[in-house]
Amino acid sequence: MANVSYYRASGTGSRYLGSGRGGLGTSRRRSGRGRWAAGAALLALAAVVVAGGVALATAKASLAPVRGAIARLQMPFGGGTVSRLSVVTGPHSRPVPATVRNGLIYPVGLVGAGQRLQVQVDVARPGWMSWLTGSTERLSLTVTTPTASLRSHYVTLAPDGSLRLHFRVPIVAYSFGPTSRHMQRHVLAVPASSIVLPHSGPAGAVMVSAAPLAWERGGPALVSWFPPGSAATAVASPSPGARIGPATPITLTFSQPYDRVLHGHMPPVSPTTPGTWHRVNSHTIRFEPQGYGYGIGASVQIPLPGGVHLAGGQNGADASTGTWTVPAGSTVRLQQLLSTLGYLPLNFTATGPATPLTDAAQEAAALNPPAGRFSFRWSNIPSWYRATWLPGAFGELTRAAVMSFENASGLPADGVPSPQVWNDLIAAVIQGRKNTFGYTIADVSEATPESLTLWHNGQVVLTTAVNTGIPQSPTALGTYAVYEHLRVTTMSGTNPNGTHYNDPGIPWVSYFNGGDALHGFLRAQYGFPQSLGCVEMPFATAGRVYPYTPIGTIVHVA
């Protein structure tokens, strides 16, 4: 305000009244009104500024974590719309379908418990506000979904036999089943810290998962249950009595820490199997076989220390020893391998991809043989052999081939495809160790004159007159495998008249049926029945036949 002097008339003359700063009267009253007006203007301006600040502050949306949903979305003052919603999970940013309901963001479908989620929302502001704060706002938030864990994975049944599981936090959803791929999902009406699962048997194992929220999917965990009481109990997987593969791991879970139960010693595995026991956790150990594993057709046994019971055994009975069975190998596959190695006079040709030369692939093929066809290796195979041969039938021809392989491999030649025989057969195929001797058939004819035709690798080696058994002690007709091969031996027995005989120095002997054998024996003539069941021939001829008739050679008498 300018420094102005005011005057006031009094009588006829004039009188000085003072300046604008210190004067009285009319000029002072005008100054008060001006100050009130200025204050009002300042207050109005402040109100506008405050209102603008409030409007500016509330014009922003917000995104925050909230229990029960992925996040809470707060819209700006005056409203707004979601133009884009993105929920992804790392590390490769897999999209998670999601929706907004009543300001809360939920997944569409199930999300893993403990999953890290990256949320991004684009909010479009109303047009009347966009001039002040912009038309779009982008919000970001990273959250981790809650988890639920069991208080114990080793549960003793309640006295009433119920299987109750306890969790560290209340859960709403849970699943259970025999495997992680076969689980039934359940959603509780209200959160609970424990659940009761159906079960069968006094002991066993089940896969369980749980989550605090209905839209979560918990990670599966193995829960083992044991009978009531304080005795040490073990649960096996696979269950005792089950059929297993030659390389199937066997897991033992104990009701108490295994170090305490086993006293620091891992249980033995029978038959002796290359492999290693591994520690899974404080209660669980697993045996993992190596190489050929237990073997095809093996009966596997694992004994436990005294006082430790293996629950859930065969027929539900407890035992101190677990027993499992590896299925016997296929006869067709046995014949395929024997043909491939040259112990049968056949070729095998697979009609599909060749079986890889690995232990695991060959063992799998032993149980599930590949498709293919057999063909005779030589065109002059005897007609009776062609009529007798039958793929998949374990007859004397196949048994003889097994005996021949066992004899060549240094195994007891009993003709039984034991686990050891399968292991050696598979090893021979992988290593390419084929039969170097060849294949022999000794064809004996009882037609007059009696004869023997020696056939080897498609060639008739010799034909000679022989003697077979007399009517009182005939040579049995049929097809047999040589089971004993002796350069010289003593033969003894009982004659048809009841007297005993004892003949030492009998040469070039190949036993094929009980006491019947191919061998040398001196007679005045040959070609008709004279023996007590054996096939006799001159010494020199028997000496020529002997090298062709090792254990496993087929002798056919007709």
Protein backbone atom coordinates (compact mmCIF):
# COMPACT_ATOMS: atom_id res chain seq x y z
CA MET A 1 0.00 0.00 0.00
CA ALA A 2 1.31 3.37 -0.90
CA ASN A 3 2.33 5.84 1.89
CA VAL A 4 -0.57 8.28 1.39
CA SER A 5 -1.56 11.26 3.73
CA TYR A 6 -5.19 11.80 4.57
CA TYR A 7 -6.85 14.92 5.60
CA ARG A 8 -10.10 15.74 7.42
CA ALA A 9 -11.80 19.26 7.40
CA SER A 10 -12.71 20.82 10.64
CA GLY A 11 -14.47 24.42 10.71
CA THR A 12 -13.28 26.69 8.02
CA GLY A 13 -9.74 25.77 7.82
CA SER A 14 -7.85 22.63 7.12
CA ARG A 15 -6.08 20.40 9.63
CA TYR A 16 -3.34 17.74 9.04
CA LEU A 17 -4.51 14.31 10.20
CA GLY A 18 -1.50 12.01 9.51
CA SER A 19 -0.04 9.54 7.07
CA GLY A 20 -1.42 6.16 5.78
CA ARG A 21 0.83 4.18 8.21
CA GLY A 22 0.06 6.19 11.36
CA GLY A 23 -3.00 8.13 10.46
CA LEU A 24 -6.41 7.83 12.11
CA GLY A 25 -9.97 8.00 10.92
CA THR A 26 -11.09 6.93 7.48
CA SER A 27 -7.75 5.78 6.13
CA ARG A 28 -7.23 3.22 8.99
CA ARG A 29 -10.60 1.50 8.44
CA ARG A 30 -9.81 0.92 4.75
CA SER A 31 -6.51 -0.83 5.62
CA GLY A 32 -8.29 -3.53 7.82
CA ARG A 33 -10.69 -4.56 5.08
CA GLY A 34 -7.85 -5.03 2.63
CA ARG A 35 -6.00 -7.33 4.94
CA TRP A 36 -9.07 -9.54 5.46
CA ALA A 37 -9.55 -9.82 1.72
CA ALA A 38 -5.94 -10.84 1.19
CA GLY A 39 -6.19 -13.53 3.89
CA ALA A 40 -9.30 -14.96 2.35
CA ALA A 41 -7.62 -15.14 -1.00
CA LEU A 42 -4.64 -16.93 0.49
CA LEU A 43 -6.90 -19.45 2.24
CA ALA A 44 -8.78 -20.09 -0.97
CA LEU A 45 -5.54 -20.65 -2.80
CA ALA A 46 -4.32 -23.03 -0.10
CA ALA A 47 -7.56 -24.99 -0.31
CA VAL A 48 -7.14 -25.31 -4.04
CA VAL A 49 -3.57 -26.53 -3.59
CA VAL A 50 -4.58 -29.07 -0.92
CA ALA A 51 -7.48 -30.28 -3.00
CA GLY A 52 -5.20 -30.63 -5.98
CA GLY A 53 -2.67 -32.55 -3.90
CA VAL A 54 -5.36 -34.90 -2.64
CA ALA A 55 -6.64 -35.39 -6.14
CA LEU A 56 -3.12 -36.02 -7.39
CA ALA A 57 -2.39 -38.49 -4.62
CA THR A 58 -5.60 -40.47 -5.04
CA ALA A 59 -5.26 -40.47 -8.80
CA LYS A 60 -2.71 -43.34 -8.46
CA ALA A 61 -3.68 -47.03 -8.31
CA SER A 62 -1.97 -49.41 -5.86
CA LEU A 63 -1.00 -53.11 -5.89
CA ALA A 64 -0.24 -54.91 -2.63
CA PRO A 65 -0.03 -58.49 -1.32
CA VAL A 66 -3.07 -59.82 0.52
CA ARG A 67 -3.91 -63.09 2.24
CA GLY A 68 -6.17 -65.39 0.25
CA ALA A 69 -5.41 -63.93 -3.18
CA ILE A 70 -2.37 -63.17 -5.30
CA ALA A 71 -2.70 -59.41 -4.69
CA ARG A 72 -5.11 -56.56 -3.98
CA LEU A 73 -5.63 -53.95 -6.73
CA GLN A 74 -6.78 -50.50 -5.51
CA MET A 75 -8.17 -48.30 -8.31
CA PRO A 76 -7.40 -44.55 -8.41
CA PHE A 77 -9.77 -41.80 -7.15
CA GLY A 78 -12.41 -41.30 -9.78
CA GLY A 79 -12.09 -44.83 -11.10
CA GLY A 80 -10.08 -46.64 -13.71
CA THR A 81 -9.98 -49.84 -15.74
CA VAL A 82 -7.49 -52.70 -16.09
CA SER A 83 -6.12 -52.56 -19.61
CA ARG A 84 -3.63 -55.38 -19.10
CA LEU A 85 -3.02 -58.06 -16.43
CA SER A 86 0.03 -60.31 -16.53
CA VAL A 87 1.06 -62.95 -13.99
CA VAL A 88 4.12 -65.03 -14.83
CA THR A 89 6.41 -67.44 -13.05
CA GLY A 90 10.16 -67.83 -13.67
CA PRO A 91 12.67 -68.64 -14.72
CA HIS A 92 11.22 -68.82 -18.24
CA SER A 93 8.24 -66.55 -17.50
CA ARG A 94 5.56 -69.17 -17.84
CA PRO A 95 2.20 -67.32 -17.97
CA VAL A 96 -0.33 -67.93 -15.20
CA PRO A 97 -3.93 -67.15 -16.26
CA ALA A 98 -5.47 -64.75 -13.73
CA THR A 99 -8.55 -62.59 -13.19
CA VAL A 100 -9.67 -59.66 -10.98
CA ARG A 101 -12.71 -60.08 -8.72
CA ASN A 102 -13.80 -57.35 -6.30
CA GLY A 103 -10.37 -55.78 -6.42
CA LEU A 104 -8.54 -59.06 -5.75
CA ILE A 105 -6.36 -60.91 -8.26
CA TYR A 106 -6.87 -64.69 -8.37
CA PRO A 107 -5.32 -67.36 -10.61
CA VAL A 108 -7.52 -69.20 -13.07
CA GLY A 109 -6.65 -72.80 -12.22
CA LEU A 110 -4.16 -74.18 -9.71
CA VAL A 111 -0.80 -72.64 -8.87
CA GLY A 112 1.99 -74.43 -7.06
CA ALA A 113 2.43 -73.67 -3.36
CA GLY A 114 5.62 -71.72 -2.71
CA GLN A 115 5.58 -70.43 -6.28
CA ARG A 116 7.20 -67.05 -6.98
CA LEU A 117 4.82 -64.93 -9.10
CA GLN A 118 5.54 -61.69 -10.90
CA VAL A 119 2.40 -59.54 -11.26
CA GLN A 120 2.08 -56.60 -13.64
CA VAL A 121 -1.08 -54.50 -14.09
CA ASP A 122 -1.73 -51.63 -16.51
CA VAL A 123 -4.50 -49.28 -15.22
CA ALA A 124 -6.18 -46.78 -17.57
CA ARG A 125 -7.25 -43.56 -15.77
CA PRO A 126 -10.42 -41.59 -16.63
CA GLY A 127 -10.02 -38.88 -19.26
CA TRP A 128 -10.78 -35.93 -16.94
CA MET A 129 -7.84 -36.98 -14.76
CA SER A 130 -5.41 -38.17 -17.40
CA TRP A 131 -4.33 -34.55 -18.16
CA LEU A 132 -2.93 -34.38 -14.64
CA THR A 133 -1.37 -37.81 -14.05
CA GLY A 134 -1.21 -39.53 -17.44
CA SER A 135 -3.59 -41.88 -19.20
CA THR A 136 -2.00 -45.22 -18.06
CA GLU A 137 -0.24 -46.38 -14.93
CA ARG A 138 1.83 -49.59 -14.70
CA LEU A 139 2.04 -51.46 -11.39
CA SER A 140 4.41 -54.33 -10.55
CA LEU A 141 4.61 -56.72 -7.61
CA THR A 142 6.42 -59.97 -6.81
CA VAL A 143 4.80 -62.40 -4.37
CA THR A 144 5.40 -65.98 -3.23
CA THR A 145 2.42 -68.23 -2.62
CA PRO A 146 2.20 -69.72 0.88
CA THR A 147 3.19 -73.30 1.69
CA ALA A 148 2.15 -75.97 4.15
CA SER A 149 4.45 -78.70 5.47
CA LEU A 150 3.89 -81.87 7.48
CA ARG A 151 5.05 -82.03 11.05
CA SER A 152 6.34 -85.55 10.37
CA HIS A 153 6.58 -87.87 7.38
CA TYR A 154 6.72 -90.94 9.65
CA VAL A 155 3.39 -91.51 11.35
CA THR A 156 2.36 -94.08 13.93
CA LEU A 157 -1.26 -95.08 13.65
CA ALA A 158 -3.55 -93.95 16.44
CA PRO A 159 -4.80 -96.61 18.89
CA ASP A 160 -8.06 -96.76 16.93
CA GLY A 161 -6.08 -97.45 13.74
CA SER A 162 -6.68 -94.07 12.11
CA LEU A 163 -4.00 -92.37 10.02
CA ARG A 164 -3.93 -88.71 11.06
CA LEU A 165 -1.52 -86.21 9.51
CA HIS A 166 -0.60 -82.92 11.17
CA PHE A 167 0.54 -79.74 9.37
CA ARG A 168 2.51 -76.74 10.58
CA VAL A 169 -0.13 -74.30 9.25
CA PRO A 170 -3.85 -74.76 8.55
CA ILE A 171 -4.58 -76.16 5.10
CA VAL A 172 -7.57 -75.93 2.80
CA ALA A 173 -6.64 -78.28 -0.06
CA TYR A 174 -4.90 -81.66 -0.01
CA SER A 175 -4.31 -84.64 -2.30
CA PHE A 176 -3.21 -88.21 -1.66
CA GLY A 177 -2.65 -91.41 -3.62
CA PRO A 178 -0.27 -94.33 -4.22
CA THR A 179 1.91 -92.27 -6.58
CA SER A 180 2.31 -88.62 -7.46
CA ARG A 181 0.52 -89.31 -10.76
CA HIS A 182 -2.52 -90.92 -9.13
CA MET A 183 -3.71 -88.56 -6.40
CA GLN A 184 -7.23 -87.57 -5.35
CA ARG A 185 -7.76 -83.87 -4.58
CA HIS A 186 -9.96 -82.64 -1.74
CA VAL A 187 -10.92 -79.12 -0.61
CA LEU A 188 -11.95 -78.51 3.01
CA ALA A 189 -14.92 -76.33 3.93
CA VAL A 190 -12.83 -74.65 6.64
CA PRO A 191 -9.07 -74.61 7.19
CA ALA A 192 -7.71 -77.40 9.39
CA SER A 193 -4.32 -78.27 10.87
CA SER A 194 -4.83 -82.06 10.63
CA ILE A 195 -6.59 -84.54 8.39
CA VAL A 196 -7.41 -88.27 8.54
CA LEU A 197 -6.59 -90.35 5.47
CA PRO A 198 -8.11 -93.70 4.52
CA HIS A 199 -5.56 -96.50 4.44
CA SER A 200 -5.26 -100.27 4.29
CA GLY A 201 -2.95 -102.46 6.32
CA PRO A 202 -1.01 -101.77 9.51
CA ALA A 203 1.84 -100.15 7.61
CA GLY A 204 2.49 -98.64 4.24
CA ALA A 205 3.24 -95.46 2.37
CA VAL A 206 1.19 -92.83 0.54
CA MET A 207 1.97 -89.69 -1.44
CA VAL A 208 0.45 -86.56 0.11
CA SER A 209 0.36 -82.88 -0.87
CA ALA A 210 -1.33 -79.95 0.88
CA ALA A 211 -1.75 -76.18 0.50
CA PRO A 212 -3.09 -73.31 2.64
CA LEU A 213 -5.27 -71.96 -0.20
CA ALA A 214 -7.91 -73.64 -2.35
CA TRP A 215 -6.30 -72.47 -5.58
CA GLU A 216 -2.89 -73.90 -4.72
CA ARG A 217 -1.33 -77.24 -5.56
CA GLY A 218 1.14 -78.51 -2.96
CA GLY A 219 4.27 -80.50 -3.76
CA PRO A 220 3.89 -84.27 -3.16
CA ALA A 221 5.73 -85.90 -0.28
CA LEU A 222 5.94 -89.54 0.78
CA VAL A 223 4.33 -90.35 4.12
CA SER A 224 5.00 -93.72 5.77
CA TRP A 225 2.77 -95.10 8.47
CA PHE A 226 3.53 -97.78 11.02
CA PRO A 227 1.60 -99.90 13.53
CA PRO A 228 0.93 -98.49 17.00
CA GLY A 229 3.59 -99.22 19.59
CA SER A 230 7.28 -98.59 20.11
CA ALA A 231 8.79 -101.56 18.22
CA ALA A 232 10.95 -100.76 15.21
CA THR A 233 9.10 -101.33 11.94
CA ALA A 234 10.10 -100.96 8.31
CA VAL A 235 8.07 -100.33 5.18
CA ALA A 236 9.45 -101.41 1.81
CA SER A 237 8.84 -100.01 -1.65
CA PRO A 238 8.07 -101.97 -3.79
CA SER A 239 6.05 -103.97 -1.28
CA PRO A 240 7.46 -107.37 -0.27
CA GLY A 241 6.12 -110.11 -2.49
CA ALA A 242 5.92 -107.82 -5.52
CA ARG A 243 7.39 -108.61 -8.91
CA ILE A 244 10.27 -106.32 -9.76
CA GLY A 245 12.68 -105.77 -12.61
CA PRO A 246 16.31 -106.84 -12.44
CA ALA A 247 17.37 -103.21 -11.89
CA THR A 248 14.49 -102.03 -9.67
CA PRO A 249 15.70 -100.06 -6.60
CA ILE A 250 14.34 -101.24 -3.24
CA THR A 251 13.61 -98.59 -0.60
CA LEU A 252 13.32 -99.29 3.13
CA THR A 253 11.76 -96.70 5.44
CA PHE A 254 12.01 -97.25 9.20
CA SER A 255 9.79 -95.95 11.97
CA GLN A 256 12.97 -94.89 13.79
CA PRO A 257 16.24 -93.44 12.42
CA TYR A 258 17.86 -96.24 10.46
CA ASP A 259 21.27 -95.81 12.13
CA ARG A 260 19.66 -96.73 15.43
CA VAL A 261 17.73 -99.67 13.95
CA LEU A 262 20.52 -101.16 11.80
CA HIS A 263 23.33 -100.46 14.25
CA GLY A 264 25.44 -98.92 11.51
CA HIS A 265 25.30 -101.94 9.13
CA MET A 266 23.40 -102.01 5.85
CA PRO A 267 21.34 -105.19 5.30
CA PRO A 268 22.65 -107.84 2.88
CA VAL A 269 20.99 -108.45 -0.49
CA SER A 270 20.57 -112.00 -1.78
CA PRO A 271 21.51 -113.15 -4.35
CA THR A 272 24.74 -111.18 -4.10
CA THR A 273 24.07 -108.23 -6.36
CA PRO A 274 26.39 -105.47 -7.54
CA GLY A 275 24.93 -102.23 -6.23
CA THR A 276 25.00 -99.64 -3.47
CA TRP A 277 22.87 -98.62 -0.50
CA HIS A 278 22.12 -94.88 -0.51
CA ARG A 279 20.92 -92.67 2.35
CA VAL A 280 17.69 -90.91 1.37
CA ASN A 281 17.06 -89.28 4.75
CA SER A 282 17.44 -90.14 8.42
CA HIS A 283 14.72 -92.83 8.19
CA THR A 284 15.11 -94.12 4.65
CA ILE A 285 17.72 -96.08 2.67
CA ARG A 286 17.56 -97.30 -0.93
CA PHE A 287 19.44 -100.13 -2.65
CA GLU A 288 20.25 -99.38 -6.29
CA PRO A 289 21.47 -102.41 -8.28
CA GLN A 290 24.12 -102.02 -10.92
CA GLY A 291 25.19 -103.99 -13.98
CA TYR A 292 22.87 -106.97 -14.51
CA GLY A 293 21.22 -106.28 -11.17
CA TYR A 294 19.48 -109.14 -9.40
CA GLY A 295 19.24 -111.21 -12.57
CA ILE A 296 16.34 -112.45 -14.68
CA GLY A 297 14.15 -114.84 -12.69
CA ALA A 298 15.89 -114.10 -9.38
CA SER A 299 14.27 -114.38 -5.95
CA VAL A 300 15.56 -111.33 -4.08
CA GLN A 301 15.77 -111.35 -0.29
CA ILE A 302 16.75 -108.64 2.22
CA PRO A 303 16.88 -109.78 5.89
CA LEU A 304 16.56 -107.25 8.71
CA PRO A 305 18.12 -107.40 12.18
CA GLY A 306 16.33 -109.19 14.98
CA GLY A 307 13.53 -107.18 16.52
CA VAL A 308 12.82 -105.22 13.33
CA HIS A 309 9.62 -106.15 11.53
CA LEU A 310 9.01 -105.58 7.84
CA ALA A 311 5.35 -104.63 7.72
CA GLY A 312 2.98 -105.12 4.83
CA GLY A 313 4.64 -108.27 3.55
CA GLN A 314 3.16 -110.91 1.34
CA ASN A 315 -0.46 -111.61 2.35
CA GLY A 316 -0.17 -108.68 4.79
CA ALA A 317 1.97 -110.63 7.28
CA ASP A 318 4.93 -109.08 9.07
CA ALA A 319 8.31 -110.73 8.57
CA SER A 320 11.97 -110.19 9.30
CA THR A 321 12.97 -110.79 5.67
CA GLY A 322 11.63 -109.12 2.57
CA THR A 323 11.29 -111.19 -0.60
CA TRP A 324 10.75 -109.97 -4.15
CA THR A 325 10.64 -111.84 -7.45
CA VAL A 326 12.13 -110.88 -10.79
CA PRO A 327 10.01 -112.46 -13.57
CA ALA A 328 11.52 -115.29 -15.55
CA GLY A 329 12.75 -114.37 -18.97
CA SER A 330 10.71 -115.05 -22.08
CA THR A 331 11.35 -118.38 -23.81
CA VAL A 332 11.07 -116.59 -27.14
CA ARG A 333 13.84 -114.18 -26.12
CA LEU A 334 15.91 -117.10 -24.83
CA GLN A 335 15.60 -118.74 -28.26
CA GLN A 336 16.44 -115.45 -29.97
CA LEU A 337 19.67 -115.09 -27.99
CA LEU A 338 20.66 -118.74 -28.43
CA SER A 339 20.07 -118.44 -32.18
CA THR A 340 22.04 -115.19 -32.37
CA LEU A 341 24.95 -116.81 -30.56
CA GLY A 342 24.84 -119.99 -32.69
CA TYR A 343 23.60 -122.50 -30.11
CA LEU A 344 20.51 -123.26 -32.20
CA PRO A 345 20.56 -124.06 -35.94
CA LEU A 346 18.48 -120.96 -36.65
CA ASN A 347 18.82 -117.31 -37.56
CA PHE A 348 16.75 -114.64 -35.86
CA THR A 349 15.87 -111.42 -37.66
CA ALA A 350 14.16 -108.60 -35.78
CA THR A 351 11.36 -106.89 -37.71
CA GLY A 352 11.78 -103.64 -35.76
CA PRO A 353 14.73 -101.62 -34.46
CA ALA A 354 17.63 -103.65 -33.12
CA THR A 355 17.83 -103.96 -29.35
CA PRO A 356 20.67 -101.76 -28.07
CA LEU A 357 23.68 -103.65 -26.75
CA THR A 358 23.33 -102.42 -23.17
CA ASP A 359 22.55 -104.29 -19.97
CA ALA A 360 19.31 -102.41 -19.37
CA ALA A 361 18.01 -102.78 -22.94
CA GLN A 362 18.85 -106.48 -23.13
CA GLU A 363 17.26 -107.20 -19.75
CA ALA A 364 14.13 -105.34 -20.83
CA ALA A 365 14.05 -107.41 -24.02
CA ALA A 366 14.39 -110.59 -21.93
CA LEU A 367 11.06 -109.76 -20.33
CA ASN A 368 9.41 -108.25 -23.43
CA PRO A 369 11.05 -109.77 -26.50
CA PRO A 370 11.21 -107.83 -29.76
CA ALA A 371 9.17 -109.00 -32.71
CA GLY A 372 10.97 -110.93 -35.41
CA ARG A 373 11.19 -114.19 -37.30
CA PHE A 374 13.26 -117.38 -37.17
CA SER A 375 14.69 -119.17 -40.17
CA PHE A 376 16.74 -122.35 -40.40
CA ARG A 377 20.42 -121.75 -40.99
CA TRP A 378 20.85 -124.83 -43.19
CA SER A 379 18.46 -126.20 -45.79
CA ASN A 380 19.10 -129.87 -44.97
CA ILE A 381 17.95 -129.72 -41.34
CA PRO A 382 16.29 -133.14 -40.65
CA SER A 383 12.56 -133.10 -41.27
CA TRP A 384 11.76 -134.32 -37.74
CA TYR A 385 13.67 -131.28 -36.36
CA ARG A 386 11.61 -128.90 -38.48
CA ALA A 387 8.44 -130.56 -37.22
CA THR A 388 9.59 -130.44 -33.57
CA TRP A 389 10.85 -126.85 -33.45
CA LEU A 390 8.32 -124.41 -32.00
CA PRO A 391 9.13 -120.78 -31.11
CA GLY A 392 8.15 -120.00 -27.53
CA ALA A 393 8.03 -123.66 -26.43
CA PHE A 394 10.68 -124.73 -23.94
CA GLY A 395 11.24 -128.24 -25.24
CA GLU A 396 14.29 -130.48 -25.42
CA LEU A 397 15.72 -128.60 -28.38
CA THR A 398 15.83 -125.35 -26.38
CA ARG A 399 16.98 -127.09 -23.19
CA ALA A 400 19.82 -128.73 -25.12
CA ALA A 401 20.89 -125.35 -26.51
CA VAL A 402 20.95 -123.91 -22.96
CA MET A 403 23.08 -126.87 -21.84
CA SER A 404 25.45 -126.32 -24.73
CA PHE A 405 25.83 -122.65 -23.80
CA GLU A 406 26.32 -123.52 -20.12
CA ASN A 407 28.98 -126.06 -21.02
CA ALA A 408 30.83 -123.56 -23.21
CA SER A 409 30.57 -120.88 -20.47
CA GLY A 410 31.83 -123.04 -17.62
CA LEU A 411 28.46 -123.21 -15.88
CA PRO A 412 26.70 -126.32 -14.50
CA ALA A 413 25.02 -127.79 -17.58
CA ASP A 414 21.53 -128.45 -16.22
CA GLY A 415 19.60 -126.78 -19.03
CA VAL A 416 17.85 -124.39 -16.62
CA PRO A 417 17.85 -120.70 -17.68
CA SER A 418 18.84 -119.42 -14.23
CA PRO A 419 19.59 -115.76 -13.45
CA GLN A 420 23.28 -116.53 -13.96
CA VAL A 421 22.58 -118.08 -17.37
CA TRP A 422 20.59 -115.01 -18.43
CA ASN A 423 23.37 -112.71 -17.22
CA ASP A 424 25.97 -114.67 -19.18
CA LEU A 425 23.78 -114.86 -22.28
CA ILE A 426 23.27 -111.11 -22.26
CA ALA A 427 26.98 -110.53 -21.68
CA ALA A 428 27.85 -112.87 -24.57
CA VAL A 429 25.48 -111.01 -26.92
CA ILE A 430 26.84 -107.61 -25.88
CA GLN A 431 30.44 -108.80 -26.26
CA GLY A 432 29.79 -110.79 -29.45
CA ARG A 433 31.02 -114.11 -27.99
CA LYS A 434 29.44 -116.63 -30.34
CA ASN A 435 29.52 -120.41 -30.41
CA THR A 436 32.72 -121.51 -32.17
CA PHE A 437 31.97 -125.25 -32.13
CA GLY A 438 28.90 -125.42 -34.30
CA TYR A 439 25.75 -127.52 -34.12
CA THR A 440 25.48 -131.32 -34.11
CA ILE A 441 22.59 -133.76 -34.43
CA ALA A 442 23.15 -137.49 -33.82
CA ASP A 443 20.34 -139.28 -35.68
CA VAL A 444 19.86 -142.89 -34.54
CA SER A 445 17.61 -145.17 -36.59
CA GLU A 446 16.31 -148.45 -35.16
CA ALA A 447 15.22 -149.57 -38.60
CA THR A 448 17.16 -152.61 -39.81
CA PRO A 449 20.07 -152.27 -40.23
CA GLU A 450 20.33 -149.92 -37.25
CA SER A 451 22.45 -146.87 -37.96
CA LEU A 452 23.69 -143.50 -36.72
CA THR A 453 23.95 -140.46 -38.98
CA LEU A 454 26.15 -137.68 -37.60
CA TRP A 455 25.08 -134.26 -38.89
CA HIS A 456 27.16 -131.14 -38.14
CA ASN A 457 26.74 -127.58 -39.46
CA GLY A 458 24.70 -128.70 -42.46
CA GLN A 459 27.04 -131.57 -43.37
CA VAL A 460 26.70 -135.33 -42.84
CA VAL A 461 30.00 -136.16 -41.16
CA LEU A 462 29.53 -139.95 -41.12
CA THR A 463 26.99 -142.73 -41.19
CA THR A 464 27.72 -145.95 -39.30
CA ALA A 465 26.01 -149.16 -38.25
CA VAL A 466 25.18 -149.29 -34.53
CA ASN A 467 23.55 -151.55 -31.97
CA THR A 468 20.61 -150.42 -29.84
CA GLY A 469 18.84 -152.09 -26.91
CA ILE A 470 17.38 -155.55 -26.94
CA PRO A 471 13.61 -155.94 -26.45
CA GLN A 472 14.07 -156.67 -22.73
CA SER A 473 16.02 -153.38 -22.31
CA PRO A 474 15.23 -151.21 -25.33
CA THR A 475 16.67 -147.84 -26.28
CA ALA A 476 13.88 -145.32 -25.67
CA LEU A 477 12.61 -143.47 -28.70
CA GLY A 478 12.66 -139.69 -28.59
CA THR A 479 14.85 -136.59 -28.62
CA TYR A 480 17.46 -136.07 -25.90
CA ALA A 481 20.38 -133.83 -25.01
CA VAL A 482 23.81 -135.21 -24.14
CA TYR A 483 24.30 -134.48 -20.45
CA GLU A 484 27.64 -136.17 -19.74
CA HIS A 485 30.72 -136.54 -21.92
CA LEU A 486 33.45 -138.98 -20.86
CA ARG A 487 36.54 -140.20 -22.71
CA VAL A 488 36.46 -143.47 -20.78
CA THR A 489 34.38 -144.86 -17.93
CA THR A 490 33.22 -148.03 -16.18
CA MET A 491 29.65 -149.13 -16.87
CA SER A 492 27.82 -151.31 -14.40
CA GLY A 493 24.25 -152.43 -13.86
CA THR A 494 21.83 -155.33 -13.88
CA ASN A 495 21.21 -157.71 -16.75
CA PRO A 496 17.65 -158.73 -17.72
CA ASN A 497 18.22 -162.10 -15.98
CA GLY A 498 19.05 -160.35 -12.71
CA THR A 499 22.80 -160.76 -12.76
CA HIS A 500 25.10 -157.74 -12.42
CA TYR A 501 27.67 -156.53 -14.88
CA ASN A 502 30.71 -154.26 -14.46
CA ASP A 503 32.50 -153.27 -17.66
CA PRO A 504 35.58 -151.04 -17.18
CA GLY A 505 37.36 -149.15 -19.93
CA ILE A 506 34.34 -148.19 -22.03
CA PRO A 507 35.60 -145.40 -24.37
CA TRP A 508 34.12 -142.28 -25.99
CA VAL A 509 30.95 -142.07 -23.91
CA SER A 510 28.14 -139.49 -24.40
CA TYR A 511 25.21 -140.10 -22.01
CA PHE A 512 21.89 -138.77 -23.30
CA ASN A 513 19.03 -140.56 -21.46
CA GLY A 514 19.50 -142.04 -18.03
CA GLY A 515 22.02 -144.85 -18.50
CA ASP A 516 21.78 -144.79 -22.28
CA ALA A 517 24.85 -143.45 -24.09
CA LEU A 518 26.67 -143.30 -27.37
CA HIS A 519 29.93 -145.22 -26.90
CA GLY A 520 32.40 -147.67 -28.26
CA PHE A 521 31.88 -151.38 -27.62
CA LEU A 522 33.43 -154.39 -29.25
CA ARG A 523 30.96 -156.71 -31.03
CA ALA A 524 31.32 -159.22 -33.74
CA GLN A 525 28.88 -157.27 -35.84
CA TYR A 526 26.71 -154.15 -35.75
CA GLY A 527 23.33 -153.13 -37.10
CA PHE A 528 20.80 -154.89 -34.84
CA PRO A 529 19.70 -154.79 -31.14
CA GLN A 530 22.40 -156.18 -28.84
CA SER A 531 22.84 -153.61 -26.01
CA LEU A 532 21.02 -152.91 -22.75
CA GLY A 533 19.82 -149.53 -24.07
CA CYS A 534 23.03 -147.88 -25.24
CA VAL A 535 23.98 -147.08 -28.84
CA GLU A 536 27.09 -149.15 -29.46
CA MET A 537 29.61 -148.70 -32.27
CA PRO A 538 33.17 -149.80 -33.05
CA PHE A 539 35.94 -148.11 -31.01
CA ALA A 540 37.38 -146.28 -33.97
CA THR A 541 34.01 -145.02 -35.11
CA ALA A 542 33.10 -143.97 -31.59
CA GLY A 543 36.36 -142.07 -31.43
CA ARG A 544 35.33 -140.10 -34.53
CA VAL A 545 31.84 -139.42 -33.19
CA TYR A 546 32.95 -138.33 -29.70
CA PRO A 547 34.40 -134.87 -30.62
CA TYR A 548 31.08 -133.93 -32.25
CA THR A 549 28.87 -134.83 -29.28
CA PRO A 550 29.71 -132.53 -26.34
CA ILE A 551 27.18 -131.71 -23.65
CA GLY A 552 24.06 -130.21 -25.21
CA THR A 553 24.23 -132.24 -28.43
CA ILE A 554 20.88 -133.49 -29.67
CA VAL A 555 20.47 -137.29 -29.95
CA HIS A 556 17.34 -138.34 -31.81
CA VAL A 557 16.23 -142.00 -31.65
CA ALA A 558 13.50 -143.12 -34.05
